[in-house]
Each structure stands twice: as structure tokens, then as C-alpha cells.
N, C-alpha and C. Protein backbone atom coordinates (compact mmCIF):
# COMPACT_ATOMS: atom_id res chain seq x y z
N MET A 1 0.85 -1.16 0.04
CA MET A 1 -0.02 0.12 -0.16
C MET A 1 1.00 1.23 -0.27
N GLY A 2 0.58 1.91 -0.99
CA GLY A 2 1.51 3.06 -0.85
C GLY A 2 1.35 4.33 0.04
N LEU A 3 2.02 5.31 -0.17
CA LEU A 3 1.91 6.74 0.98
C LEU A 3 0.58 7.36 0.79
N LEU A 4 -0.05 7.45 -0.45
CA LEU A 4 -0.97 8.11 -0.66
C LEU A 4 -2.33 7.12 -0.06
N SER A 5 -2.33 5.93 -0.51
CA SER A 5 -3.37 5.17 0.12
C SER A 5 -3.54 5.51 1.33
N ARG A 6 -2.48 5.35 2.40
CA ARG A 6 -2.55 5.54 3.85
C ARG A 6 -2.68 6.87 4.01
N ALA A 7 -2.77 7.76 3.49
CA ALA A 7 -3.11 8.97 3.98
C ALA A 7 -4.46 9.17 3.92
N ALA A 8 -5.03 8.54 2.87
CA ALA A 8 -6.36 8.54 2.17
C ALA A 8 -7.37 7.86 3.70
N ASP A 9 -6.76 6.87 4.04
CA ASP A 9 -7.23 5.95 4.87
C ASP A 9 -7.41 6.62 6.23
N LYS A 10 -6.83 7.82 6.54
CA LYS A 10 -6.91 8.57 7.82
C LYS A 10 -8.03 9.33 7.94
N SER A 11 -8.64 9.61 9.57
CA SER A 11 -9.61 10.15 9.67
C SER A 11 -9.31 11.73 9.69
N PRO A 12 -10.20 12.48 9.74
CA PRO A 12 -9.80 14.01 10.04
C PRO A 12 -9.23 14.31 11.74
N LEU A 13 -9.30 13.89 12.24
CA LEU A 13 -8.35 13.87 13.62
C LEU A 13 -7.08 13.33 13.33
N GLU A 14 -6.95 12.21 12.90
CA GLU A 14 -5.80 11.62 12.76
C GLU A 14 -5.14 12.71 11.47
N LYS A 15 -5.63 13.43 10.43
CA LYS A 15 -5.03 14.06 9.83
C LYS A 15 -4.45 15.29 10.47
N GLU A 16 -5.40 15.81 11.12
CA GLU A 16 -4.99 17.12 12.07
C GLU A 16 -3.79 16.88 12.79
N ILE A 17 -3.94 15.70 13.60
CA ILE A 17 -2.66 15.61 14.68
C ILE A 17 -1.53 15.36 13.72
N ALA A 18 -1.50 14.63 12.87
CA ALA A 18 -0.38 14.20 11.98
C ALA A 18 0.05 15.62 11.04
N GLN A 19 -0.66 16.38 10.79
CA GLN A 19 -0.10 17.60 10.51
C GLN A 19 0.37 18.87 11.39
N TYR A 20 0.01 18.73 13.02
CA TYR A 20 0.57 19.22 14.01
C TYR A 20 2.23 18.63 14.19
N HIS A 21 2.02 17.27 13.99
CA HIS A 21 3.32 16.80 14.52
C HIS A 21 4.50 17.10 13.28
N GLU A 22 3.84 17.45 12.16
CA GLU A 22 5.07 17.93 10.99
C GLU A 22 5.74 18.69 11.46
N THR A 23 5.44 19.79 12.49
CA THR A 23 6.05 21.06 13.06
C THR A 23 6.70 20.95 14.06
N ASN A 24 5.88 19.69 14.94
CA ASN A 24 6.34 19.53 16.42
C ASN A 24 6.62 18.24 16.74
N ALA A 25 7.73 17.66 16.86
CA ALA A 25 8.32 16.08 16.99
C ALA A 25 7.55 15.56 18.32
N ALA A 26 7.71 16.51 19.25
CA ALA A 26 6.86 16.28 20.41
C ALA A 26 5.95 17.18 21.02
N PHE A 27 4.75 16.64 21.34
CA PHE A 27 4.04 17.96 21.88
C PHE A 27 2.97 17.16 23.09
N HIS A 28 2.09 18.34 23.46
CA HIS A 28 1.20 18.09 24.72
C HIS A 28 -0.21 18.12 24.13
N CYS A 29 -0.66 16.83 24.81
CA CYS A 29 -2.08 16.96 24.42
C CYS A 29 -2.82 17.44 25.52
N LEU A 30 -4.17 17.80 25.58
CA LEU A 30 -4.81 18.10 26.57
C LEU A 30 -6.52 18.03 26.02
N VAL A 31 -7.29 17.07 26.80
CA VAL A 31 -8.58 17.04 26.55
C VAL A 31 -9.61 17.84 27.41
N PHE A 32 -10.50 18.74 27.01
CA PHE A 32 -11.55 19.31 27.82
C PHE A 32 -13.06 18.87 27.51
N GLU A 33 -13.40 18.47 28.47
CA GLU A 33 -15.03 18.59 27.99
C GLU A 33 -15.68 19.76 28.66
N SER A 34 -16.63 20.69 27.85
CA SER A 34 -17.09 21.67 28.29
C SER A 34 -18.32 21.40 28.87
N SER A 35 -18.82 22.14 29.97
CA SER A 35 -19.91 22.02 30.89
C SER A 35 -21.23 22.53 30.15
N GLY A 36 -22.18 22.03 30.61
CA GLY A 36 -23.44 22.53 29.99
C GLY A 36 -24.05 21.55 29.12
N SER A 37 -24.78 21.84 28.27
CA SER A 37 -25.59 21.22 27.15
C SER A 37 -24.67 20.66 26.26
N ALA A 38 -25.08 19.50 25.77
CA ALA A 38 -24.04 19.04 24.67
C ALA A 38 -24.61 19.62 23.02
N GLY A 39 -25.58 20.66 23.10
CA GLY A 39 -26.15 20.94 21.60
C GLY A 39 -24.94 21.71 20.92
N ASP A 40 -25.50 21.92 19.73
CA ASP A 40 -24.40 22.22 18.51
C ASP A 40 -24.06 23.70 19.09
N ASP A 41 -24.92 24.27 19.24
CA ASP A 41 -24.46 25.75 19.61
C ASP A 41 -23.32 25.63 20.75
N ASP A 42 -23.80 24.62 21.90
CA ASP A 42 -22.65 24.91 23.00
C ASP A 42 -21.02 24.51 22.16
N LYS A 43 -20.95 23.19 21.48
CA LYS A 43 -20.38 22.89 21.15
C LYS A 43 -19.34 23.97 20.21
N THR A 44 -20.05 24.70 19.30
CA THR A 44 -19.12 25.88 18.50
C THR A 44 -18.69 26.69 19.59
N GLY A 45 -19.89 27.28 20.18
CA GLY A 45 -18.98 28.17 21.50
C GLY A 45 -18.23 28.03 22.37
N SER A 46 -18.03 26.42 22.54
CA SER A 46 -16.83 26.23 23.48
C SER A 46 -15.69 26.24 22.45
N HIS A 47 -16.02 25.29 21.82
CA HIS A 47 -14.81 25.43 20.48
C HIS A 47 -14.09 26.73 20.22
N LYS A 48 -14.77 27.70 20.18
CA LYS A 48 -14.28 29.04 19.82
C LYS A 48 -13.62 29.63 21.04
N LYS A 49 -14.49 29.29 22.26
CA LYS A 49 -13.60 29.96 23.41
C LYS A 49 -12.19 29.38 23.78
N PHE A 50 -12.24 27.98 23.38
CA PHE A 50 -10.96 27.38 23.65
C PHE A 50 -9.86 27.79 22.54
N SER A 51 -10.30 28.28 20.83
CA SER A 51 -9.27 28.46 20.33
C SER A 51 -9.16 30.21 20.62
N ASP A 52 -9.93 30.85 20.98
CA ASP A 52 -9.64 32.40 21.52
C ASP A 52 -8.84 32.14 22.28
N MET A 53 -8.73 31.45 23.58
CA MET A 53 -7.75 31.54 24.58
C MET A 53 -6.21 30.58 24.21
N ILE A 54 -6.32 29.83 23.51
CA ILE A 54 -4.94 28.91 23.20
C ILE A 54 -4.34 30.44 21.76
N ASN A 55 -5.33 30.69 20.93
CA ASN A 55 -4.72 31.85 20.05
C ASN A 55 -3.70 30.94 19.43
N ILE A 56 -2.50 31.62 18.94
CA ILE A 56 -1.51 31.17 17.96
C ILE A 56 -0.60 30.05 18.78
N ALA A 57 -0.74 29.82 20.26
CA ALA A 57 0.01 29.08 21.29
C ALA A 57 -0.07 27.85 20.56
N GLY A 58 -0.79 27.35 20.36
CA GLY A 58 -1.37 25.86 19.97
C GLY A 58 -2.36 25.41 18.75
N SER A 59 -2.96 24.42 18.89
CA SER A 59 -3.93 24.14 17.87
C SER A 59 -5.42 23.44 18.40
N VAL A 60 -6.37 23.77 18.35
CA VAL A 60 -7.50 23.00 19.04
C VAL A 60 -8.56 22.32 17.99
N ILE A 61 -8.83 21.18 18.54
CA ILE A 61 -9.53 20.32 17.71
C ILE A 61 -10.72 19.82 18.24
N PRO A 62 -11.91 20.30 17.72
CA PRO A 62 -12.95 19.82 18.19
C PRO A 62 -13.31 18.12 18.32
N LEU A 63 -13.86 17.46 19.30
CA LEU A 63 -14.15 16.31 19.50
C LEU A 63 -15.88 16.15 19.60
N PRO A 64 -15.82 14.86 19.28
CA PRO A 64 -17.21 14.38 19.71
C PRO A 64 -17.71 14.64 21.42
N LEU A 65 -19.02 14.60 21.64
CA LEU A 65 -19.48 14.59 23.12
C LEU A 65 -19.08 15.87 23.87
N ASN A 66 -19.13 17.21 22.99
CA ASN A 66 -18.45 18.51 23.57
C ASN A 66 -17.17 18.17 24.14
N ARG A 67 -16.21 17.88 23.60
CA ARG A 67 -14.91 17.96 24.11
C ARG A 67 -14.00 18.54 23.19
N SER A 68 -12.91 18.62 23.55
CA SER A 68 -12.01 19.69 22.92
C SER A 68 -10.39 19.25 22.89
N LEU A 69 -9.80 18.87 21.59
CA LEU A 69 -8.27 18.59 21.98
C LEU A 69 -7.34 19.80 21.80
N ILE A 70 -6.69 19.92 22.61
CA ILE A 70 -5.62 21.28 22.40
C ILE A 70 -4.23 20.60 22.40
N LEU A 71 -3.45 20.98 21.20
CA LEU A 71 -2.22 20.58 20.99
C LEU A 71 -1.13 21.77 21.31
N LEU A 72 -0.30 21.50 21.78
CA LEU A 72 0.75 22.56 22.51
C LEU A 72 2.23 22.04 22.25
N PRO A 73 3.15 23.13 21.80
CA PRO A 73 4.39 22.62 21.59
C PRO A 73 5.15 22.47 23.04
N ILE A 74 5.99 21.38 22.88
CA ILE A 74 6.59 20.72 24.05
C ILE A 74 6.99 22.03 25.20
N ALA A 75 7.58 22.95 24.27
CA ALA A 75 8.19 24.31 25.14
C ALA A 75 7.32 24.80 26.30
N LYS A 76 5.98 24.94 26.12
CA LYS A 76 4.85 25.08 26.56
C LYS A 76 4.71 24.61 28.05
N ASP A 77 4.38 25.26 29.01
CA ASP A 77 3.81 24.87 30.25
C ASP A 77 2.49 24.20 30.42
N ARG A 78 2.41 22.90 30.02
CA ARG A 78 1.04 22.34 29.92
C ARG A 78 0.13 22.47 31.22
N GLU A 79 0.95 22.23 32.30
CA GLU A 79 -0.22 22.09 33.70
C GLU A 79 -0.58 23.92 33.83
N LEU A 80 0.33 24.80 33.74
CA LEU A 80 -0.23 26.01 33.73
C LEU A 80 -1.23 26.29 32.62
N ILE A 81 -1.25 25.95 31.56
CA ILE A 81 -1.91 26.04 30.52
C ILE A 81 -3.52 25.69 30.85
N ALA A 82 -3.40 24.43 31.13
CA ALA A 82 -4.66 23.59 31.40
C ALA A 82 -5.21 24.10 32.78
N HIS A 83 -4.62 24.69 33.79
CA HIS A 83 -4.96 25.02 35.00
C HIS A 83 -5.62 26.54 34.53
N ARG A 84 -5.34 27.48 33.76
CA ARG A 84 -5.82 28.57 33.62
C ARG A 84 -6.95 28.33 32.49
N ILE A 85 -7.11 27.17 31.49
CA ILE A 85 -8.36 26.90 31.03
C ILE A 85 -9.53 26.58 31.71
N SER A 86 -9.00 25.64 32.56
CA SER A 86 -10.01 25.10 33.37
C SER A 86 -10.55 26.12 34.31
N LYS A 87 -9.85 27.06 34.95
CA LYS A 87 -10.50 27.88 35.67
C LYS A 87 -11.46 29.25 35.22
N SER A 88 -10.87 29.72 33.90
CA SER A 88 -11.30 30.58 32.73
C SER A 88 -12.63 30.22 32.19
N LEU A 89 -12.48 29.40 31.92
CA LEU A 89 -13.82 28.65 30.76
C LEU A 89 -14.47 27.79 31.72
N LYS A 90 -14.06 27.31 32.92
CA LYS A 90 -15.00 26.35 33.65
C LYS A 90 -15.07 24.98 33.00
N THR A 91 -14.27 24.70 32.68
CA THR A 91 -14.28 23.32 32.01
C THR A 91 -13.65 22.28 32.69
N THR A 92 -13.99 21.06 32.44
CA THR A 92 -13.29 19.78 33.00
C THR A 92 -12.29 19.20 32.21
N GLN A 93 -11.12 18.93 32.91
CA GLN A 93 -9.84 18.18 32.13
C GLN A 93 -10.03 16.75 32.52
N LEU A 94 -9.89 16.20 31.06
CA LEU A 94 -10.27 14.67 31.02
C LEU A 94 -8.95 13.92 30.90
N LEU A 95 -7.78 14.67 29.95
CA LEU A 95 -6.95 13.94 29.69
C LEU A 95 -5.81 14.99 29.70
N SER A 96 -4.49 14.58 29.77
CA SER A 96 -3.11 15.55 29.95
C SER A 96 -2.10 14.53 29.71
N PHE A 97 -1.42 14.75 28.71
CA PHE A 97 -0.06 13.80 28.37
C PHE A 97 0.87 14.36 27.20
N GLU A 98 2.02 13.79 27.17
CA GLU A 98 2.73 14.42 26.14
C GLU A 98 2.94 13.08 25.32
N ALA A 99 3.06 13.46 23.96
CA ALA A 99 3.14 12.62 22.96
C ALA A 99 4.38 12.90 21.85
N ASP A 100 4.79 11.88 20.89
CA ASP A 100 5.91 11.91 20.31
C ASP A 100 5.40 11.33 18.75
N SER A 101 4.23 10.91 18.64
CA SER A 101 3.68 10.88 17.40
C SER A 101 2.10 11.10 17.39
N PRO A 102 1.76 10.80 16.21
CA PRO A 102 0.41 10.71 16.28
C PRO A 102 -0.49 9.80 16.43
N GLU A 103 0.25 8.58 16.27
CA GLU A 103 -0.14 7.26 16.73
C GLU A 103 -0.51 7.11 18.54
N ASN A 104 0.45 7.78 18.92
CA ASN A 104 0.51 7.54 20.50
C ASN A 104 -0.43 8.29 21.21
N ALA A 105 -0.65 9.44 20.69
CA ALA A 105 -1.73 10.46 20.88
C ALA A 105 -2.98 10.00 20.68
N LEU A 106 -3.29 9.58 19.49
CA LEU A 106 -4.65 8.88 18.96
C LEU A 106 -4.77 7.54 19.98
N ASN A 107 -3.93 6.92 20.34
CA ASN A 107 -4.14 5.78 21.28
C ASN A 107 -4.99 5.99 22.65
N LYS A 108 -4.23 7.54 23.25
CA LYS A 108 -4.47 7.62 24.27
C LYS A 108 -5.91 8.43 24.43
N ILE A 109 -6.21 8.99 22.83
CA ILE A 109 -7.53 9.91 22.93
C ILE A 109 -8.78 9.05 22.52
N ARG A 110 -8.45 7.80 21.95
CA ARG A 110 -9.35 7.07 21.34
C ARG A 110 -10.46 6.80 22.64
N PRO A 111 -10.28 6.24 23.67
CA PRO A 111 -11.24 5.69 24.55
C PRO A 111 -12.29 6.78 24.93
N LEU A 112 -11.89 8.36 24.65
CA LEU A 112 -12.39 9.30 25.04
C LEU A 112 -13.68 9.85 23.78
N LEU A 113 -13.44 9.01 22.75
CA LEU A 113 -14.09 9.36 21.73
C LEU A 113 -15.54 8.69 21.70
């Protein structure tokens, strides 16, 4: 199976993590669950709040069940950022870890999807 075939088989989440990994060999992953209802408006609003807060420091990827994945460069203070997000946005942190490959990140995130 060629490289193009394998790339076509990836989910949008896998593609976004792989793209982030291209410029960040090792990276932090944070998964948050927004409080409130799980409606579309809340999901869009929560994702925007995460994106606004992270701005250019990292990348925010919406996940199912009103959750968001935040990817940060390894040089950033993951625990400080997680604390600030939790307090400022009144969210629940579900997962926080360091990854060195998209596969590693996906294996840890998959149970939350």
C-alpha cells in the first residue's frame, strides 16, 4: 500500500494531529469537556472559546461529546495552561499527556471518543 493510500485512509482527527506533528516532533495533548448542554451551539461556542484562549500558542480540534483536544508545543507549560483554561472557561480536564507521534496521541485519546 502506497503512502497516498495510507493518507487517504486517515480520519480528519488523525490528519490534523499528523499535520501538527510535522512541525512539532513532541507535543502536549490536553482534552477538555465543556460544561453545559451538548447541543451544537454549545459545542461551537466552546470550541471558539478554547481557540480564542489558545490563539497562536497551539491548535484546538473539536471532538465528539462536547470535548476539545488542544495540542501545544513541548516548550509550553502544559499544567499552567490546563489550569488557566479550567478556571477561566469552567471546563473539566479529562486528559493531559505528552506525545511524540500521532499514533501515540490517538491511542490515548481514542477511549474518550
